[in-house]
């Protein structure tokens, strides 16, 4: 098992449930998330920046 620190940018969603689903889908492209955080919000461009630690086999 290897851990990786990643950053990603996603588009804001209308609801919290949709946002969580978008975050999960984005992070699953990199591995299994251990933790993640929204680190910045760009209201003008409607995007969120994420930082996460993920594991891969």
PDB file of N, CA and C in Angstrom:
ATOM      1  N   UNK A   1       0.850  -1.171   0.000  1.00  0.00           N
ATOM      2  CA  UNK A   1       0.000   0.000   0.000  1.00  0.00           C
ATOM      3  C   UNK A   1       0.898   1.238   0.000  1.00  0.00           C
ATOM      4  N   UNK A   2       0.579   2.170  -0.870  1.00  0.00           N
ATOM      5  CA  UNK A   2       1.327   3.414  -0.991  1.00  0.00           C
ATOM      6  C   UNK A   2       0.371   4.583  -0.785  1.00  0.00           C
ATOM      7  N   UNK A   3       0.829   5.600  -0.059  1.00  0.00           N
ATOM      8  CA  UNK A   3       0.010   6.797   0.122  1.00  0.00           C
ATOM      9  C   UNK A   3       0.502   7.902  -0.803  1.00  0.00           C
ATOM     10  N   UNK A   4      -0.418   8.711  -1.250  1.00  0.00           N
ATOM     11  CA  UNK A   4      -0.116   9.823  -2.149  1.00  0.00           C
ATOM     12  C   UNK A   4      -0.867  11.058  -1.680  1.00  0.00           C
ATOM     13  N   UNK A   5      -0.221  12.210  -1.762  1.00  0.00           N
ATOM     14  CA  UNK A   5      -0.866  13.495  -1.511  1.00  0.00           C
ATOM     15  C   UNK A   5      -1.258  14.058  -2.865  1.00  0.00           C
ATOM     16  N   UNK A   6      -2.523  14.407  -3.023  1.00  0.00           N
ATOM     17  CA  UNK A   6      -2.980  14.941  -4.304  1.00  0.00           C
ATOM     18  C   UNK A   6      -3.737  16.250  -4.110  1.00  0.00           C
ATOM     19  N   UNK A   7      -3.800  17.009  -5.177  1.00  0.00           N
ATOM     20  CA  UNK A   7      -4.654  18.193  -5.228  1.00  0.00           C
ATOM     21  C   UNK A   7      -5.559  18.037  -6.444  1.00  0.00           C
ATOM     22  N   UNK A   8      -6.760  18.551  -6.348  1.00  0.00           N
ATOM     23  CA  UNK A   8      -7.714  18.464  -7.453  1.00  0.00           C
ATOM     24  C   UNK A   8      -8.618  19.687  -7.409  1.00  0.00           C
ATOM     25  N   UNK A   9      -9.223  19.970  -8.544  1.00  0.00           N
ATOM     26  CA  UNK A   9     -10.174  21.070  -8.639  1.00  0.00           C
ATOM     27  C   UNK A   9     -11.470  20.519  -9.209  1.00  0.00           C
ATOM     28  N   UNK A  10     -12.580  20.854  -8.576  1.00  0.00           N
ATOM     29  CA  UNK A  10     -13.882  20.391  -9.053  1.00  0.00           C
ATOM     30  C   UNK A  10     -14.837  21.570  -9.161  1.00  0.00           C
ATOM     31  N   UNK A  11     -15.909  21.356  -9.893  1.00  0.00           N
ATOM     32  CA  UNK A  11     -16.948  22.366 -10.060  1.00  0.00           C
ATOM     33  C   UNK A  11     -17.918  22.307  -8.891  1.00  0.00           C
ATOM     34  N   UNK A  12     -18.340  23.470  -8.415  1.00  0.00           N
ATOM     35  CA  UNK A  12     -19.339  23.528  -7.344  1.00  0.00           C
ATOM     36  C   UNK A  12     -20.621  22.845  -7.798  1.00  0.00           C
ATOM     37  N   UNK A  13     -21.339  22.264  -6.837  1.00  0.00           N
ATOM     38  CA  UNK A  13     -22.594  21.578  -7.104  1.00  0.00           C
ATOM     39  C   UNK A  13     -23.728  22.287  -6.373  1.00  0.00           C
ATOM     40  N   UNK A  14     -24.944  22.005  -6.785  1.00  0.00           N
ATOM     41  CA  UNK A  14     -26.125  22.658  -6.204  1.00  0.00           C
ATOM     42  C   UNK A  14     -26.420  22.202  -4.784  1.00  0.00           C
ATOM     43  N   UNK A  15     -26.170  20.926  -4.481  1.00  0.00           N
ATOM     44  CA  UNK A  15     -26.504  20.400  -3.154  1.00  0.00           C
ATOM     45  C   UNK A  15     -25.278  19.763  -2.510  1.00  0.00           C
ATOM     46  N   UNK A  16     -25.334  19.605  -1.210  1.00  0.00           N
ATOM     47  CA  UNK A  16     -24.239  18.972  -0.471  1.00  0.00           C
ATOM     48  C   UNK A  16     -24.076  17.523  -0.915  1.00  0.00           C
ATOM     49  N   UNK A  17     -25.181  16.822  -1.141  1.00  0.00           N
ATOM     50  CA  UNK A  17     -25.116  15.423  -1.582  1.00  0.00           C
ATOM     51  C   UNK A  17     -24.417  15.317  -2.937  1.00  0.00           C
ATOM     52  N   UNK A  18     -24.751  16.208  -3.864  1.00  0.00           N
ATOM     53  CA  UNK A  18     -24.103  16.204  -5.177  1.00  0.00           C
ATOM     54  C   UNK A  18     -22.625  16.552  -5.053  1.00  0.00           C
ATOM     55  N   UNK A  19     -22.300  17.485  -4.179  1.00  0.00           N
ATOM     56  CA  UNK A  19     -20.907  17.866  -3.965  1.00  0.00           C
ATOM     57  C   UNK A  19     -20.108  16.686  -3.422  1.00  0.00           C
ATOM     58  N   UNK A  20     -20.649  16.001  -2.436  1.00  0.00           N
ATOM     59  CA  UNK A  20     -19.954  14.847  -1.860  1.00  0.00           C
ATOM     60  C   UNK A  20     -19.752  13.755  -2.912  1.00  0.00           C
ATOM     61  N   UNK A  21     -20.749  13.527  -3.743  1.00  0.00           N
ATOM     62  CA  UNK A  21     -20.640  12.530  -4.807  1.00  0.00           C
ATOM     63  C   UNK A  21     -19.551  12.926  -5.808  1.00  0.00           C
ATOM     64  N   UNK A  22     -19.479  14.190  -6.171  1.00  0.00           N
ATOM     65  CA  UNK A  22     -18.457  14.677  -7.104  1.00  0.00           C
ATOM     66  C   UNK A  22     -17.060  14.535  -6.506  1.00  0.00           C
ATOM     67  N   UNK A  23     -16.916  14.866  -5.226  1.00  0.00           N
ATOM     68  CA  UNK A  23     -15.624  14.721  -4.547  1.00  0.00           C
ATOM     69  C   UNK A  23     -15.209  13.255  -4.522  1.00  0.00           C
ATOM     70  N   UNK A  24     -16.120  12.374  -4.146  1.00  0.00           N
ATOM     71  CA  UNK A  24     -15.817  10.938  -4.088  1.00  0.00           C
ATOM     72  C   UNK A  24     -15.413  10.396  -5.452  1.00  0.00           C
ATOM     73  N   UNK A  25     -16.137  10.785  -6.482  1.00  0.00           N
ATOM     74  CA  UNK A  25     -15.829  10.315  -7.833  1.00  0.00           C
ATOM     75  C   UNK A  25     -14.461  10.813  -8.297  1.00  0.00           C
ATOM     76  N   UNK A  26     -14.158  12.067  -8.016  1.00  0.00           N
ATOM     77  CA  UNK A  26     -12.867  12.633  -8.413  1.00  0.00           C
ATOM     78  C   UNK A  26     -11.719  11.939  -7.697  1.00  0.00           C
ATOM     79  N   UNK A  27     -11.849  11.771  -6.386  1.00  0.00           N
ATOM     80  CA  UNK A  27     -10.763  11.168  -5.616  1.00  0.00           C
ATOM     81  C   UNK A  27     -10.574   9.692  -5.928  1.00  0.00           C
ATOM     82  N   UNK A  28     -11.637   8.994  -6.290  1.00  0.00           N
ATOM     83  CA  UNK A  28     -11.506   7.568  -6.607  1.00  0.00           C
ATOM     84  C   UNK A  28     -10.660   7.339  -7.856  1.00  0.00           C
ATOM     85  N   UNK A  29     -10.495   8.364  -8.689  1.00  0.00           N
ATOM     86  CA  UNK A  29      -9.599   8.253  -9.846  1.00  0.00           C
ATOM     87  C   UNK A  29      -8.141   8.115  -9.421  1.00  0.00           C
ATOM     88  N   UNK A  30      -7.815   8.560  -8.222  1.00  0.00           N
ATOM     89  CA  UNK A  30      -6.441   8.552  -7.731  1.00  0.00           C
ATOM     90  C   UNK A  30      -6.158   7.403  -6.772  1.00  0.00           C
ATOM     91  N   UNK A  31      -7.187   6.829  -6.155  1.00  0.00           N
ATOM     92  CA  UNK A  31      -7.020   5.759  -5.178  1.00  0.00           C
ATOM     93  C   UNK A  31      -8.118   5.823  -4.137  1.00  0.00           C
ATOM     94  N   UNK A  32      -7.881   5.161  -3.012  1.00  0.00           N
ATOM     95  CA  UNK A  32      -8.847   5.138  -1.906  1.00  0.00           C
ATOM     96  C   UNK A  32      -8.551   6.307  -0.967  1.00  0.00           C
ATOM     97  N   UNK A  33      -9.465   7.258  -0.820  1.00  0.00           N
ATOM     98  CA  UNK A  33      -9.194   8.416   0.039  1.00  0.00           C
ATOM     99  C   UNK A  33      -9.099   8.040   1.518  1.00  0.00           C
ATOM    100  N   UNK A  34      -8.064   8.541   2.180  1.00  0.00           N
ATOM    101  CA  UNK A  34      -7.943   8.423   3.632  1.00  0.00           C
ATOM    102  C   UNK A  34      -8.532   9.655   4.301  1.00  0.00           C
ATOM    103  N   UNK A  35      -8.245  10.812   3.711  1.00  0.00           N
ATOM    104  CA  UNK A  35      -8.797  12.071   4.208  1.00  0.00           C
ATOM    105  C   UNK A  35      -8.773  13.067   3.065  1.00  0.00           C
ATOM    106  N   UNK A  36      -9.652  14.055   3.153  1.00  0.00           N
ATOM    107  CA  UNK A  36      -9.650  15.119   2.158  1.00  0.00           C
ATOM    108  C   UNK A  36     -10.181  16.395   2.799  1.00  0.00           C
ATOM    109  N   UNK A  37      -9.865  17.523   2.161  1.00  0.00           N
ATOM    110  CA  UNK A  37     -10.324  18.815   2.660  1.00  0.00           C
ATOM    111  C   UNK A  37     -10.504  19.771   1.486  1.00  0.00           C
ATOM    112  N   UNK A  38     -11.508  20.618   1.596  1.00  0.00           N
ATOM    113  CA  UNK A  38     -11.667  21.730   0.657  1.00  0.00           C
ATOM    114  C   UNK A  38     -10.730  22.821   1.150  1.00  0.00           C
ATOM    115  N   UNK A  39      -9.781  23.222   0.307  1.00  0.00           N
ATOM    116  CA  UNK A  39      -8.775  24.193   0.739  1.00  0.00           C
ATOM    117  C   UNK A  39      -9.017  25.600   0.210  1.00  0.00           C
ATOM    118  N   UNK A  40      -9.803  25.719  -0.853  1.00  0.00           N
ATOM    119  CA  UNK A  40     -10.164  27.058  -1.327  1.00  0.00           C
ATOM    120  C   UNK A  40     -11.404  26.973  -2.206  1.00  0.00           C
ATOM    121  N   UNK A  41     -12.081  28.100  -2.293  1.00  0.00           N
ATOM    122  CA  UNK A  41     -13.292  28.217  -3.103  1.00  0.00           C
ATOM    123  C   UNK A  41     -13.142  29.442  -3.991  1.00  0.00           C
ATOM    124  N   UNK A  42     -13.378  29.261  -5.279  1.00  0.00           N
ATOM    125  CA  UNK A  42     -13.386  30.378  -6.218  1.00  0.00           C
ATOM    126  C   UNK A  42     -14.840  30.612  -6.621  1.00  0.00           C
ATOM    127  N   UNK A  43     -15.488  31.562  -5.958  1.00  0.00           N
ATOM    128  CA  UNK A  43     -16.909  31.819  -6.197  1.00  0.00           C
ATOM    129  C   UNK A  43     -17.164  32.332  -7.612  1.00  0.00           C
ATOM    130  N   UNK A  44     -16.223  33.078  -8.152  1.00  0.00           N
ATOM    131  CA  UNK A  44     -16.405  33.632  -9.490  1.00  0.00           C
ATOM    132  C   UNK A  44     -16.405  32.529 -10.552  1.00  0.00           C
ATOM    133  N   UNK A  45     -15.466  31.582 -10.435  1.00  0.00           N
ATOM    134  CA  UNK A  45     -15.394  30.489 -11.408  1.00  0.00           C
ATOM    135  C   UNK A  45     -16.202  29.267 -10.984  1.00  0.00           C
ATOM    136  N   UNK A  46     -16.792  29.315  -9.764  1.00  0.00           N
ATOM    137  CA  UNK A  46     -17.611  28.222  -9.246  1.00  0.00           C
ATOM    138  C   UNK A  46     -16.826  26.911  -9.139  1.00  0.00           C
ATOM    139  N   UNK A  47     -15.593  26.998  -8.582  1.00  0.00           N
ATOM    140  CA  UNK A  47     -14.767  25.806  -8.403  1.00  0.00           C
ATOM    141  C   UNK A  47     -14.284  25.698  -6.964  1.00  0.00           C
ATOM    142  N   UNK A  48     -13.951  24.470  -6.575  1.00  0.00           N
ATOM    143  CA  UNK A  48     -13.379  24.174  -5.264  1.00  0.00           C
ATOM    144  C   UNK A  48     -12.031  23.514  -5.470  1.00  0.00           C
ATOM    145  N   UNK A  49     -11.070  23.847  -4.625  1.00  0.00           N
ATOM    146  CA  UNK A  49      -9.784  23.155  -4.625  1.00  0.00           C
ATOM    147  C   UNK A  49      -9.786  22.157  -3.477  1.00  0.00           C
ATOM    148  N   UNK A  50      -9.320  20.948  -3.761  1.00  0.00           N
ATOM    149  CA  UNK A  50      -9.252  19.880  -2.769  1.00  0.00           C
ATOM    150  C   UNK A  50      -7.813  19.457  -2.554  1.00  0.00           C
ATOM    151  N   UNK A  51      -7.513  19.040  -1.338  1.00  0.00           N
ATOM    152  CA  UNK A  51      -6.273  18.338  -1.031  1.00  0.00           C
ATOM    153  C   UNK A  51      -6.685  17.036  -0.384  1.00  0.00           C
ATOM    154  N   UNK A  52      -5.991  15.957  -0.726  1.00  0.00           N
ATOM    155  CA  UNK A  52      -6.367  14.651  -0.190  1.00  0.00           C
ATOM    156  C   UNK A  52      -5.145  13.759  -0.046  1.00  0.00           C
ATOM    157  N   UNK A  53      -5.276  12.795   0.847  1.00  0.00           N
ATOM    158  CA  UNK A  53      -4.320  11.702   0.961  1.00  0.00           C
ATOM    159  C   UNK A  53      -5.078  10.452   0.541  1.00  0.00           C
ATOM    160  N   UNK A  54      -4.526   9.738  -0.449  1.00  0.00           N
ATOM    161  CA  UNK A  54      -5.156   8.520  -0.951  1.00  0.00           C
ATOM    162  C   UNK A  54      -4.157   7.373  -0.887  1.00  0.00           C
ATOM    163  N   UNK A  55      -4.673   6.151  -0.891  1.00  0.00           N
ATOM    164  CA  UNK A  55      -3.812   4.972  -0.930  1.00  0.00           C
ATOM    165  C   UNK A  55      -4.052   4.212  -2.227  1.00  0.00           C
ATOM    166  N   UNK A  56      -2.998   3.560  -2.686  1.00  0.00           N
ATOM    167  CA  UNK A  56      -3.088   2.666  -3.842  1.00  0.00           C
ATOM    168  C   UNK A  56      -2.395   1.364  -3.479  1.00  0.00           C
ATOM    169  N   UNK A  57      -2.799   0.293  -4.138  1.00  0.00           N
ATOM    170  CA  UNK A  57      -2.182  -1.017  -3.874  1.00  0.00           C
ATOM    171  C   UNK A  57      -0.856  -1.169  -4.563  1.00  0.00           C
TER     172      UNK A  57
END
